[in-house]
Amino acid sequence: MGFILMLIVGGLIGWLAGVILGKDIPGGIIGNIIAGLIGSAIGGSLLGDLGPVWGGVAIIPALIGSIILILVLSFILKMIKK
């Protein structure tokens, strides 16, 4: 049950980061989950367990890490298209 909750939280974090930046994450729901989980790892390594933890995911670092991930990916994809 904890793994499913972690996937749901990862998807919500990825979706929220995309909404904040106004960018679509490729892959739909799966892309949101991947962005949220990778962003959680990035944010956790940068900020630790800052803020509330839900489903094994620290919300604030995960959101910040997801925003960083989406910014970097959108920059790379923009450079590849040129």
N, C-alpha and C. Protein backbone atom coordinates (compact mmCIF):
# COMPACT_ATOMS: atom_id res chain seq x y z
N MET A 1 0.81 -1.20 0.00
CA MET A 1 0.00 0.00 0.00
C MET A 1 0.85 1.26 0.00
N GLY A 2 2.00 1.22 0.69
CA GLY A 2 2.88 2.37 0.75
C GLY A 2 3.46 2.72 -0.62
N PHE A 3 3.74 1.69 -1.44
CA PHE A 3 4.29 1.93 -2.77
C PHE A 3 3.27 2.63 -3.66
N ILE A 4 2.01 2.20 -3.57
CA ILE A 4 0.96 2.82 -4.37
C ILE A 4 0.76 4.27 -3.95
N LEU A 5 0.80 4.53 -2.65
CA LEU A 5 0.67 5.90 -2.15
C LEU A 5 1.85 6.75 -2.63
N MET A 6 3.05 6.19 -2.65
CA MET A 6 4.22 6.91 -3.13
C MET A 6 4.07 7.25 -4.62
N LEU A 7 3.52 6.34 -5.42
CA LEU A 7 3.29 6.62 -6.84
C LEU A 7 2.25 7.72 -7.03
N ILE A 8 1.21 7.69 -6.21
CA ILE A 8 0.18 8.73 -6.29
C ILE A 8 0.75 10.09 -5.92
N VAL A 9 1.51 10.14 -4.84
CA VAL A 9 2.13 11.41 -4.41
C VAL A 9 3.12 11.89 -5.48
N GLY A 10 3.91 10.96 -6.04
CA GLY A 10 4.84 11.34 -7.10
C GLY A 10 4.13 11.91 -8.31
N GLY A 11 3.00 11.31 -8.69
CA GLY A 11 2.22 11.82 -9.81
C GLY A 11 1.66 13.21 -9.53
N LEU A 12 1.17 13.41 -8.32
CA LEU A 12 0.64 14.73 -7.95
C LEU A 12 1.72 15.80 -7.93
N ILE A 13 2.89 15.43 -7.40
CA ILE A 13 4.02 16.38 -7.36
C ILE A 13 4.46 16.73 -8.77
N GLY A 14 4.59 15.74 -9.64
CA GLY A 14 4.97 16.00 -11.03
C GLY A 14 3.95 16.86 -11.75
N TRP A 15 2.66 16.59 -11.53
CA TRP A 15 1.60 17.38 -12.15
C TRP A 15 1.64 18.82 -11.64
N LEU A 16 1.80 18.98 -10.33
CA LEU A 16 1.83 20.32 -9.73
C LEU A 16 3.03 21.12 -10.24
N ALA A 17 4.17 20.48 -10.38
CA ALA A 17 5.35 21.17 -10.91
C ALA A 17 5.11 21.62 -12.35
N GLY A 18 4.45 20.77 -13.14
CA GLY A 18 4.13 21.16 -14.51
C GLY A 18 3.15 22.32 -14.57
N VAL A 19 2.19 22.33 -13.66
CA VAL A 19 1.21 23.42 -13.60
C VAL A 19 1.89 24.72 -13.18
N ILE A 20 2.77 24.65 -12.20
CA ILE A 20 3.48 25.85 -11.73
C ILE A 20 4.32 26.45 -12.86
N LEU A 21 4.99 25.58 -13.64
CA LEU A 21 5.84 26.07 -14.72
C LEU A 21 5.08 26.34 -16.00
N GLY A 22 3.86 25.84 -16.10
CA GLY A 22 3.07 26.02 -17.32
C GLY A 22 3.59 25.18 -18.47
N LYS A 23 4.19 24.04 -18.17
CA LYS A 23 4.74 23.16 -19.20
C LYS A 23 4.11 21.78 -19.08
N ASP A 24 3.89 21.16 -20.23
CA ASP A 24 3.39 19.79 -20.24
C ASP A 24 4.55 18.82 -20.08
N ILE A 25 4.33 17.80 -19.30
CA ILE A 25 5.34 16.77 -19.12
C ILE A 25 5.03 15.66 -20.12
N PRO A 26 6.00 15.30 -20.98
CA PRO A 26 5.74 14.22 -21.93
C PRO A 26 5.43 12.91 -21.20
N GLY A 27 4.52 12.15 -21.71
CA GLY A 27 4.20 10.85 -21.13
C GLY A 27 2.94 10.84 -20.29
N GLY A 28 2.28 11.96 -20.13
CA GLY A 28 1.03 12.01 -19.38
C GLY A 28 1.20 11.63 -17.92
N ILE A 29 0.35 10.73 -17.45
CA ILE A 29 0.36 10.33 -16.04
C ILE A 29 1.68 9.66 -15.68
N ILE A 30 2.16 8.78 -16.55
CA ILE A 30 3.43 8.09 -16.28
C ILE A 30 4.57 9.11 -16.20
N GLY A 31 4.56 10.10 -17.09
CA GLY A 31 5.58 11.16 -17.05
C GLY A 31 5.51 11.96 -15.77
N ASN A 32 4.29 12.24 -15.29
CA ASN A 32 4.13 12.96 -14.02
C ASN A 32 4.70 12.15 -12.86
N ILE A 33 4.41 10.85 -12.85
CA ILE A 33 4.91 9.99 -11.77
C ILE A 33 6.44 9.95 -11.80
N ILE A 34 7.00 9.76 -12.99
CA ILE A 34 8.47 9.70 -13.11
C ILE A 34 9.10 11.03 -12.70
N ALA A 35 8.52 12.15 -13.19
CA ALA A 35 9.05 13.46 -12.82
C ALA A 35 8.95 13.70 -11.32
N GLY A 36 7.86 13.27 -10.71
CA GLY A 36 7.69 13.44 -9.26
C GLY A 36 8.67 12.61 -8.47
N LEU A 37 8.89 11.36 -8.88
CA LEU A 37 9.81 10.49 -8.14
C LEU A 37 11.27 10.91 -8.33
N ILE A 38 11.65 11.23 -9.57
CA ILE A 38 13.03 11.70 -9.80
C ILE A 38 13.23 13.06 -9.13
N GLY A 39 12.22 13.92 -9.22
CA GLY A 39 12.29 15.22 -8.54
C GLY A 39 12.40 15.06 -7.04
N SER A 40 11.74 14.05 -6.50
CA SER A 40 11.85 13.76 -5.08
C SER A 40 13.27 13.37 -4.71
N ALA A 41 13.91 12.58 -5.55
CA ALA A 41 15.30 12.19 -5.29
C ALA A 41 16.23 13.40 -5.38
N ILE A 42 16.02 14.24 -6.39
CA ILE A 42 16.84 15.45 -6.55
C ILE A 42 16.64 16.39 -5.36
N GLY A 43 15.39 16.67 -5.05
CA GLY A 43 15.09 17.57 -3.93
C GLY A 43 15.53 17.02 -2.59
N GLY A 44 15.40 15.71 -2.41
CA GLY A 44 15.84 15.09 -1.17
C GLY A 44 17.34 15.17 -0.99
N SER A 45 18.09 15.04 -2.09
CA SER A 45 19.54 15.13 -1.96
C SER A 45 19.99 16.57 -1.73
N LEU A 46 19.20 17.54 -2.23
CA LEU A 46 19.56 18.94 -2.03
C LEU A 46 19.09 19.49 -0.69
N LEU A 47 17.87 19.12 -0.29
CA LEU A 47 17.26 19.75 0.88
C LEU A 47 16.97 18.79 2.04
N GLY A 48 17.12 17.51 1.83
CA GLY A 48 16.81 16.55 2.89
C GLY A 48 15.30 16.39 3.07
N ASP A 49 14.87 16.12 4.28
CA ASP A 49 13.45 15.90 4.57
C ASP A 49 12.79 17.15 5.13
N LEU A 50 12.87 18.22 4.39
CA LEU A 50 12.30 19.50 4.80
C LEU A 50 10.79 19.48 4.58
N GLY A 51 10.04 19.86 5.57
CA GLY A 51 8.59 19.96 5.42
C GLY A 51 7.87 18.65 5.67
N PRO A 52 6.60 18.64 5.35
CA PRO A 52 5.77 17.46 5.62
C PRO A 52 6.14 16.29 4.71
N VAL A 53 6.00 15.09 5.25
CA VAL A 53 6.25 13.86 4.49
C VAL A 53 4.93 13.14 4.34
N TRP A 54 4.60 12.78 3.10
CA TRP A 54 3.35 12.08 2.84
C TRP A 54 3.65 10.95 1.86
N GLY A 55 3.32 9.74 2.23
CA GLY A 55 3.57 8.59 1.38
C GLY A 55 5.04 8.30 1.19
N GLY A 56 5.85 8.68 2.16
CA GLY A 56 7.29 8.46 2.07
C GLY A 56 8.01 9.51 1.24
N VAL A 57 7.30 10.57 0.84
CA VAL A 57 7.87 11.62 -0.01
C VAL A 57 7.80 12.94 0.75
N ALA A 58 8.94 13.59 0.93
CA ALA A 58 8.96 14.93 1.52
C ALA A 58 8.44 15.91 0.47
N ILE A 59 7.34 16.57 0.75
CA ILE A 59 6.60 17.33 -0.25
C ILE A 59 7.38 18.52 -0.81
N ILE A 60 7.94 19.36 0.04
CA ILE A 60 8.60 20.58 -0.42
C ILE A 60 9.85 20.27 -1.25
N PRO A 61 10.77 19.41 -0.77
CA PRO A 61 11.93 19.08 -1.62
C PRO A 61 11.53 18.38 -2.91
N ALA A 62 10.50 17.54 -2.87
CA ALA A 62 10.07 16.85 -4.08
C ALA A 62 9.54 17.84 -5.11
N LEU A 63 8.79 18.82 -4.67
CA LEU A 63 8.26 19.83 -5.58
C LEU A 63 9.39 20.67 -6.18
N ILE A 64 10.32 21.10 -5.35
CA ILE A 64 11.46 21.89 -5.85
C ILE A 64 12.31 21.06 -6.81
N GLY A 65 12.56 19.81 -6.46
CA GLY A 65 13.33 18.94 -7.34
C GLY A 65 12.62 18.67 -8.65
N SER A 66 11.30 18.51 -8.63
CA SER A 66 10.53 18.30 -9.85
C SER A 66 10.56 19.53 -10.74
N ILE A 67 10.48 20.69 -10.14
CA ILE A 67 10.56 21.93 -10.91
C ILE A 67 11.92 22.04 -11.59
N ILE A 68 12.99 21.74 -10.85
CA ILE A 68 14.33 21.76 -11.42
C ILE A 68 14.42 20.76 -12.58
N LEU A 69 13.92 19.56 -12.37
CA LEU A 69 13.97 18.52 -13.41
C LEU A 69 13.22 18.96 -14.67
N ILE A 70 12.03 19.51 -14.52
CA ILE A 70 11.24 19.93 -15.67
C ILE A 70 11.91 21.08 -16.40
N LEU A 71 12.50 22.02 -15.66
CA LEU A 71 13.22 23.12 -16.31
C LEU A 71 14.40 22.61 -17.13
N VAL A 72 15.18 21.70 -16.55
CA VAL A 72 16.34 21.15 -17.26
C VAL A 72 15.90 20.36 -18.49
N LEU A 73 14.88 19.52 -18.33
CA LEU A 73 14.40 18.72 -19.46
C LEU A 73 13.83 19.60 -20.57
N SER A 74 13.08 20.62 -20.22
CA SER A 74 12.51 21.50 -21.25
C SER A 74 13.62 22.25 -21.97
N PHE A 75 14.68 22.64 -21.25
CA PHE A 75 15.82 23.31 -21.88
C PHE A 75 16.52 22.36 -22.84
N ILE A 76 16.75 21.12 -22.42
CA ILE A 76 17.43 20.14 -23.28
C ILE A 76 16.58 19.84 -24.51
N LEU A 77 15.28 19.63 -24.32
CA LEU A 77 14.41 19.35 -25.47
C LEU A 77 14.34 20.53 -26.44
N LYS A 78 14.38 21.74 -25.91
CA LYS A 78 14.36 22.92 -26.76
C LYS A 78 15.65 23.01 -27.57
N MET A 79 16.78 22.65 -26.97
CA MET A 79 18.07 22.69 -27.67
C MET A 79 18.13 21.60 -28.74
N ILE A 80 17.51 20.45 -28.50
CA ILE A 80 17.53 19.37 -29.48
C ILE A 80 16.68 19.73 -30.70
N LYS A 81 15.57 20.44 -30.49
CA LYS A 81 14.67 20.80 -31.59
C LYS A 81 15.31 21.81 -32.53
N LYS A 82 16.29 22.58 -32.06
CA LYS A 82 16.92 23.60 -32.92
C LYS A 82 17.88 23.01 -33.88
